[in-house]
Amino acid sequence: MRVCTFFLILFALGLSPLHSQILQNKVDHKAGKTNLEKLLNAKEWNELFPNRYGLDKKDEHGKTKDFYNFEAFVEAAKAFPMFLAESDEAIQKRELAAFLANIAQETTGGWEDAPGGYFKWGLCYLEEQGHPVPSYISAGDEIYKPVKGKKYFGRGPKQLSWNYNYGQFSAAWFGSKDTLLQHPEYLSRFPVVSFASAIWFWMTAQVPKPSCHDVMSGNWKPGNDDIKKGRLPGFGTTLNIINGGVECGKPVVTPKTKYRYEYFKYFCKYFKVSPGENVECADQKPFDK
């Protein structure tokens, strides 16, 4: 890619050319294609996420600080050519609905009587909320060693957390595990990197868990132990992968979990595709049990 083209892309995404080196590796690598633009466009994105982070803020030039902009999502998706790549359009739509449902609930600012309805308030938050927010440090990790003074709380659409996730994604995206271990705040500063962290997590299996992509695309075949513990192909298993220890296998469905299911049904209705089977995970054992 020519340098001038690279800077034009940065400008279009609302990023400063001063940060070009941070994004250079994957902006250069992004020559792949994505079906995302066949399934969704900027107008629909604005309709689905009208209250996303940054739309109510302006920079010194009066330009909106639209962090979760559709163009950044597309640029990140191009670096993961298998994302939404199944030949069956219904499978593509169902996977996209599942992905959007999870990131919407992870970042929701909605409430029961929110203007426009609960489902119009996805992607409201850039960073994890709470007082205080946990640091999410696995101090004994010798491979992805946390950096003193850094915190690895949830950031971005997926709210990526823990030093081992930051380190793994950093190695995949930047070619060095240390980039995000030293600078976890990059996920809150660079939209393409932030979206990429969510797609990376979605696409990456972490034993004993399959990837969310393989679950929704039909590539994952549950083993005997999975079947015994109720883990079957469907949206419920993506929730198990993301937050199973907290939200799955519980006798009472929490509002957070209920809305995650409902978000999925909402997006499936929007894309005119059936939710399929095994939408919930109440009868599933978490993968570590």
Protein backbone atom coordinates (compact mmCIF):
# COMPACT_ATOMS: atom_id res chain seq x y z
CA MET A 1 0.00 0.00 0.00
CA ARG A 2 1.32 3.46 -0.85
CA VAL A 3 2.05 5.77 2.07
CA CYS A 4 -0.40 8.44 0.89
CA THR A 5 -3.21 5.88 0.68
CA PHE A 6 -2.39 4.65 4.15
CA PHE A 7 -2.70 8.16 5.61
CA LEU A 8 -5.97 8.73 3.77
CA ILE A 9 -7.37 5.60 5.44
CA LEU A 10 -6.25 6.87 8.84
CA PHE A 11 -7.91 10.21 8.18
CA ALA A 12 -11.15 8.56 7.06
CA LEU A 13 -11.23 6.50 10.25
CA GLY A 14 -10.66 9.55 12.41
CA LEU A 15 -7.12 8.54 13.40
CA SER A 16 -4.07 10.76 13.61
CA PRO A 17 -1.20 10.03 11.19
CA LEU A 18 1.03 10.30 14.26
CA HIS A 19 -0.27 6.89 15.24
CA SER A 20 0.48 5.27 11.89
CA GLN A 21 3.19 3.00 13.24
CA ILE A 22 0.80 1.49 15.76
CA LEU A 23 -1.59 0.40 13.02
CA GLN A 24 0.85 -0.17 10.16
CA ASN A 25 1.13 -3.95 10.42
CA LYS A 26 -2.54 -4.75 10.05
CA VAL A 27 -3.54 -1.83 7.87
CA ASP A 28 -0.99 -3.13 5.37
CA HIS A 29 -2.22 -6.69 5.92
CA LYS A 30 -5.91 -5.91 5.46
CA ALA A 31 -6.06 -6.65 1.72
CA GLY A 32 -8.54 -9.48 2.33
CA LYS A 33 -12.25 -9.35 1.59
CA THR A 34 -15.17 -9.54 3.97
CA ASN A 35 -18.83 -10.43 3.57
CA LEU A 36 -19.68 -7.90 6.27
CA GLU A 37 -20.47 -5.19 3.72
CA LYS A 38 -22.84 -7.56 1.89
CA LEU A 39 -24.84 -8.08 5.07
CA LEU A 40 -24.72 -4.63 6.62
CA ASN A 41 -24.07 -1.04 5.57
CA ALA A 42 -23.31 2.23 7.35
CA LYS A 43 -26.93 3.39 7.28
CA GLU A 44 -28.12 0.16 8.91
CA TRP A 45 -25.25 0.34 11.40
CA ASN A 46 -26.43 3.80 12.43
CA GLU A 47 -29.96 2.47 12.78
CA LEU A 48 -28.89 -0.46 14.95
CA PHE A 49 -26.48 1.50 17.14
CA PRO A 50 -27.75 5.10 17.31
CA ASN A 51 -26.38 5.68 20.83
CA ARG A 52 -22.90 4.23 20.40
CA TYR A 53 -19.90 5.67 22.16
CA GLY A 54 -18.66 9.00 20.88
CA LEU A 55 -21.65 10.11 18.82
CA ASP A 56 -22.59 12.63 21.51
CA LYS A 57 -19.06 14.06 21.70
CA LYS A 58 -17.20 16.47 19.44
CA ASP A 59 -13.48 17.12 19.01
CA GLU A 60 -11.87 20.56 18.80
CA HIS A 61 -12.86 20.76 15.12
CA GLY A 62 -16.50 19.97 15.78
CA LYS A 63 -16.16 16.48 14.32
CA THR A 64 -17.96 13.63 16.07
CA LYS A 65 -15.78 11.24 18.05
CA ASP A 66 -17.55 8.20 16.62
CA PHE A 67 -15.27 5.50 18.01
CA TYR A 68 -17.39 2.52 16.99
CA ASN A 69 -17.77 3.67 13.39
CA PHE A 70 -18.80 1.21 10.69
CA GLU A 71 -15.71 1.87 8.55
CA ALA A 72 -13.43 0.77 11.39
CA PHE A 73 -15.48 -2.41 11.82
CA VAL A 74 -15.11 -3.19 8.12
CA GLU A 75 -11.35 -2.53 8.13
CA ALA A 76 -10.89 -4.86 11.09
CA ALA A 77 -13.07 -7.56 9.50
CA LYS A 78 -10.91 -7.57 6.36
CA ALA A 79 -8.01 -8.88 8.43
CA PHE A 80 -10.06 -11.98 9.33
CA PRO A 81 -11.17 -13.46 5.97
CA MET A 82 -12.94 -16.43 7.56
CA PHE A 83 -15.27 -14.18 9.56
CA LEU A 84 -18.76 -14.49 7.99
CA ALA A 85 -17.20 -16.54 5.18
CA GLU A 86 -19.59 -19.50 5.03
CA SER A 87 -21.22 -19.91 1.62
CA ASP A 88 -24.73 -20.16 3.08
CA GLU A 89 -26.08 -16.62 3.55
CA ALA A 90 -28.36 -17.72 6.40
CA ILE A 91 -25.31 -18.96 8.32
CA GLN A 92 -23.52 -15.68 7.63
CA LYS A 93 -26.47 -13.68 8.93
CA ARG A 94 -26.87 -15.86 12.02
CA GLU A 95 -23.19 -15.55 12.84
CA LEU A 96 -23.31 -11.77 12.43
CA ALA A 97 -26.41 -11.62 14.64
CA ALA A 98 -24.61 -13.67 17.29
CA PHE A 99 -21.51 -11.48 17.12
CA LEU A 100 -23.51 -8.26 17.35
CA ALA A 101 -25.65 -9.62 20.18
CA ASN A 102 -22.62 -10.37 22.30
CA ILE A 103 -20.79 -7.09 21.70
CA ALA A 104 -24.02 -5.12 22.16
CA GLN A 105 -24.72 -6.71 25.54
CA GLU A 106 -21.09 -6.43 26.64
CA THR A 107 -21.21 -2.66 26.04
CA THR A 108 -24.88 -1.88 26.64
CA GLY A 109 -26.08 1.32 28.21
CA GLY A 110 -29.72 0.29 27.94
CA TRP A 111 -32.39 -0.06 30.57
CA GLU A 112 -35.96 -1.31 30.56
CA ASP A 113 -37.59 1.98 29.55
CA ALA A 114 -34.68 3.44 27.58
CA PRO A 115 -35.62 5.87 24.78
CA GLY A 116 -36.06 3.84 21.61
CA GLY A 117 -35.95 0.62 23.61
CA TYR A 118 -33.22 -1.38 25.30
CA PHE A 119 -31.80 -2.75 22.05
CA LYS A 120 -30.89 0.70 20.70
CA TRP A 121 -28.22 1.16 23.37
CA GLY A 122 -25.52 -1.30 22.38
CA LEU A 123 -21.89 -0.15 22.09
CA CYS A 124 -22.48 2.66 24.57
CA TYR A 125 -19.35 1.99 26.59
CA LEU A 126 -15.75 1.84 25.52
CA GLU A 127 -14.38 0.59 28.84
CA GLU A 128 -15.72 -1.62 31.59
CA GLN A 129 -17.92 0.12 34.12
CA GLY A 130 -17.72 -0.32 37.88
CA HIS A 131 -16.21 1.16 41.01
CA PRO A 132 -13.53 0.04 41.26
CA VAL A 133 -12.95 -1.78 37.98
CA PRO A 134 -10.92 -5.00 38.52
CA SER A 135 -7.42 -5.13 37.08
CA TYR A 136 -7.89 -8.69 35.69
CA ILE A 137 -4.30 -9.72 36.24
CA SER A 138 -3.15 -13.32 36.17
CA ALA A 139 0.05 -12.65 38.09
CA GLY A 140 1.47 -16.15 37.69
CA ASP A 141 1.32 -16.17 33.90
CA GLU A 142 4.90 -16.63 32.73
CA ILE A 143 4.08 -16.32 29.03
CA TYR A 144 1.92 -13.19 29.10
CA LYS A 145 3.43 -11.45 32.08
CA PRO A 146 1.47 -8.42 33.25
CA VAL A 147 3.31 -5.10 33.29
CA LYS A 148 3.50 -3.34 36.64
CA GLY A 149 0.97 -0.55 36.90
CA LYS A 150 -1.09 -1.70 33.91
CA LYS A 151 -4.68 -2.90 34.11
CA TYR A 152 -6.31 -5.36 31.76
CA PHE A 153 -9.98 -4.62 32.36
CA GLY A 154 -12.61 -4.85 29.64
CA ARG A 155 -12.06 -2.57 26.66
CA GLY A 156 -13.61 -2.38 23.21
CA PRO A 157 -16.66 -4.11 21.68
CA LYS A 158 -15.90 -7.47 23.25
CA GLN A 159 -14.58 -5.86 26.46
CA LEU A 160 -11.38 -7.88 26.14
CA SER A 161 -9.95 -8.57 29.59
CA TRP A 162 -7.08 -10.36 31.36
CA ASN A 163 -3.41 -10.03 30.52
CA TYR A 164 -3.28 -13.39 28.73
CA ASN A 165 -5.97 -12.26 26.27
CA TYR A 166 -4.27 -8.92 25.70
CA GLY A 167 -0.96 -10.73 25.14
CA GLN A 168 -2.39 -13.30 22.73
CA PHE A 169 -4.23 -10.72 20.66
CA SER A 170 -1.20 -8.44 20.67
CA ALA A 171 0.97 -11.24 19.28
CA ALA A 172 -1.59 -11.97 16.56
CA TRP A 173 -2.16 -8.34 15.58
CA PHE A 174 1.16 -6.60 16.17
CA GLY A 175 3.51 -9.56 15.98
CA SER A 176 4.57 -8.96 19.57
CA LYS A 177 2.81 -9.94 22.77
CA ASP A 178 4.41 -7.00 24.55
CA THR A 179 2.71 -4.20 22.60
CA LEU A 180 -0.64 -4.49 24.37
CA LEU A 181 0.78 -5.85 27.60
CA GLN A 182 2.68 -2.57 27.84
CA HIS A 183 -0.12 -0.46 26.33
CA PRO A 184 -3.54 -2.03 27.00
CA GLU A 185 -5.03 1.43 26.56
CA TYR A 186 -4.57 1.10 22.78
CA LEU A 187 -7.89 -0.78 22.69
CA SER A 188 -9.54 2.42 23.90
CA ARG A 189 -7.68 4.68 21.50
CA PHE A 190 -7.71 3.01 18.09
CA PRO A 191 -11.06 1.91 16.62
CA VAL A 192 -9.68 -0.62 14.11
CA VAL A 193 -7.53 -2.31 16.76
CA SER A 194 -10.47 -2.32 19.15
CA PHE A 195 -12.83 -3.99 16.68
CA ALA A 196 -10.05 -6.40 15.70
CA SER A 197 -9.70 -7.51 19.32
CA ALA A 198 -13.37 -8.52 19.33
CA ILE A 199 -13.18 -10.37 16.02
CA TRP A 200 -9.92 -12.07 17.06
CA PHE A 201 -11.58 -13.39 20.22
CA TRP A 202 -14.59 -14.54 18.18
CA MET A 203 -12.40 -16.41 15.69
CA THR A 204 -9.88 -17.95 18.09
CA ALA A 205 -10.35 -21.27 19.87
CA GLN A 206 -8.87 -21.50 23.35
CA VAL A 207 -8.74 -25.12 24.51
CA PRO A 208 -10.98 -26.63 25.78
CA LYS A 209 -13.28 -24.05 24.21
CA PRO A 210 -13.98 -23.93 20.47
CA SER A 211 -14.15 -20.56 18.75
CA CYS A 212 -17.47 -18.75 18.63
CA HIS A 213 -17.07 -18.64 14.86
CA ASP A 214 -16.82 -22.43 14.60
CA VAL A 215 -19.89 -22.82 16.80
CA MET A 216 -22.03 -20.47 14.71
CA SER A 217 -20.71 -21.59 11.32
CA GLY A 218 -21.36 -25.27 12.05
CA ASN A 219 -17.69 -26.25 11.96
CA TRP A 220 -17.66 -27.33 15.61
CA LYS A 221 -18.83 -30.85 16.37
CA PRO A 222 -19.43 -31.39 20.10
CA GLY A 223 -17.70 -34.35 21.66
CA ASN A 224 -19.32 -36.87 23.98
CA ASP A 225 -18.42 -34.81 27.04
CA ASP A 226 -19.90 -31.68 25.47
CA ILE A 227 -23.13 -33.49 24.64
CA LYS A 228 -23.32 -34.92 28.16
CA LYS A 229 -22.95 -31.42 29.60
CA GLY A 230 -25.48 -29.83 27.27
CA ARG A 231 -23.01 -27.93 25.09
CA LEU A 232 -24.49 -28.06 21.60
CA PRO A 233 -24.18 -25.93 18.44
CA GLY A 234 -26.10 -22.69 18.79
CA PHE A 235 -25.95 -19.20 20.24
CA GLY A 236 -26.00 -20.48 23.82
CA THR A 237 -22.56 -21.99 23.41
CA THR A 238 -21.07 -18.66 22.30
CA LEU A 239 -22.24 -17.24 25.61
CA ASN A 240 -20.69 -20.23 27.35
CA ILE A 241 -17.37 -19.49 25.64
CA ILE A 242 -17.48 -15.79 26.54
CA ASN A 243 -18.90 -15.86 30.06
CA GLY A 244 -20.00 -19.40 30.86
CA GLY A 245 -18.78 -19.48 34.43
CA VAL A 246 -21.05 -16.56 35.31
CA GLU A 247 -24.04 -16.92 33.00
CA CYS A 248 -24.47 -20.60 32.06
CA GLY A 249 -25.75 -23.60 34.00
CA LYS A 250 -27.62 -21.37 36.46
CA PRO A 251 -31.11 -22.16 37.82
CA VAL A 252 -32.10 -18.49 37.54
CA VAL A 253 -31.55 -16.46 34.37
CA THR A 254 -30.22 -13.01 35.23
CA PRO A 255 -31.43 -9.89 33.39
CA LYS A 256 -27.99 -9.60 31.77
CA THR A 257 -28.25 -13.09 30.34
CA LYS A 258 -31.90 -12.67 29.33
CA TYR A 259 -31.04 -9.55 27.36
CA ARG A 260 -28.17 -11.33 25.65
CA TYR A 261 -30.60 -13.96 24.37
CA GLU A 262 -33.08 -11.28 23.39
CA TYR A 263 -30.42 -9.25 21.60
CA PHE A 264 -29.65 -12.30 19.47
CA LYS A 265 -33.31 -12.76 18.57
CA TYR A 266 -33.58 -9.04 17.85
CA PHE A 267 -30.67 -9.10 15.38
CA CYS A 268 -31.90 -12.33 13.79
CA LYS A 269 -35.26 -10.68 13.19
CA TYR A 270 -33.51 -7.66 11.72
CA PHE A 271 -31.53 -9.83 9.30
CA LYS A 272 -34.57 -12.01 8.56
CA VAL A 273 -32.99 -15.27 9.66
CA SER A 274 -34.11 -17.85 12.20
CA PRO A 275 -32.20 -18.01 15.50
CA GLY A 276 -31.75 -21.76 15.10
CA GLU A 277 -31.56 -24.24 17.96
CA ASN A 278 -29.92 -24.07 21.40
CA VAL A 279 -30.22 -20.32 21.86
CA GLU A 280 -29.83 -20.51 25.64
CA CYS A 281 -27.19 -22.00 27.94
CA ALA A 282 -29.11 -22.50 31.18
CA ASP A 283 -28.73 -26.28 30.82
CA GLN A 284 -25.06 -26.13 29.83
CA LYS A 285 -22.13 -26.77 32.09
CA PRO A 286 -19.31 -24.23 31.68
CA PHE A 287 -16.33 -25.51 29.69
CA ASP A 288 -14.12 -25.71 32.78
CA LYS A 289 -16.52 -28.12 34.51
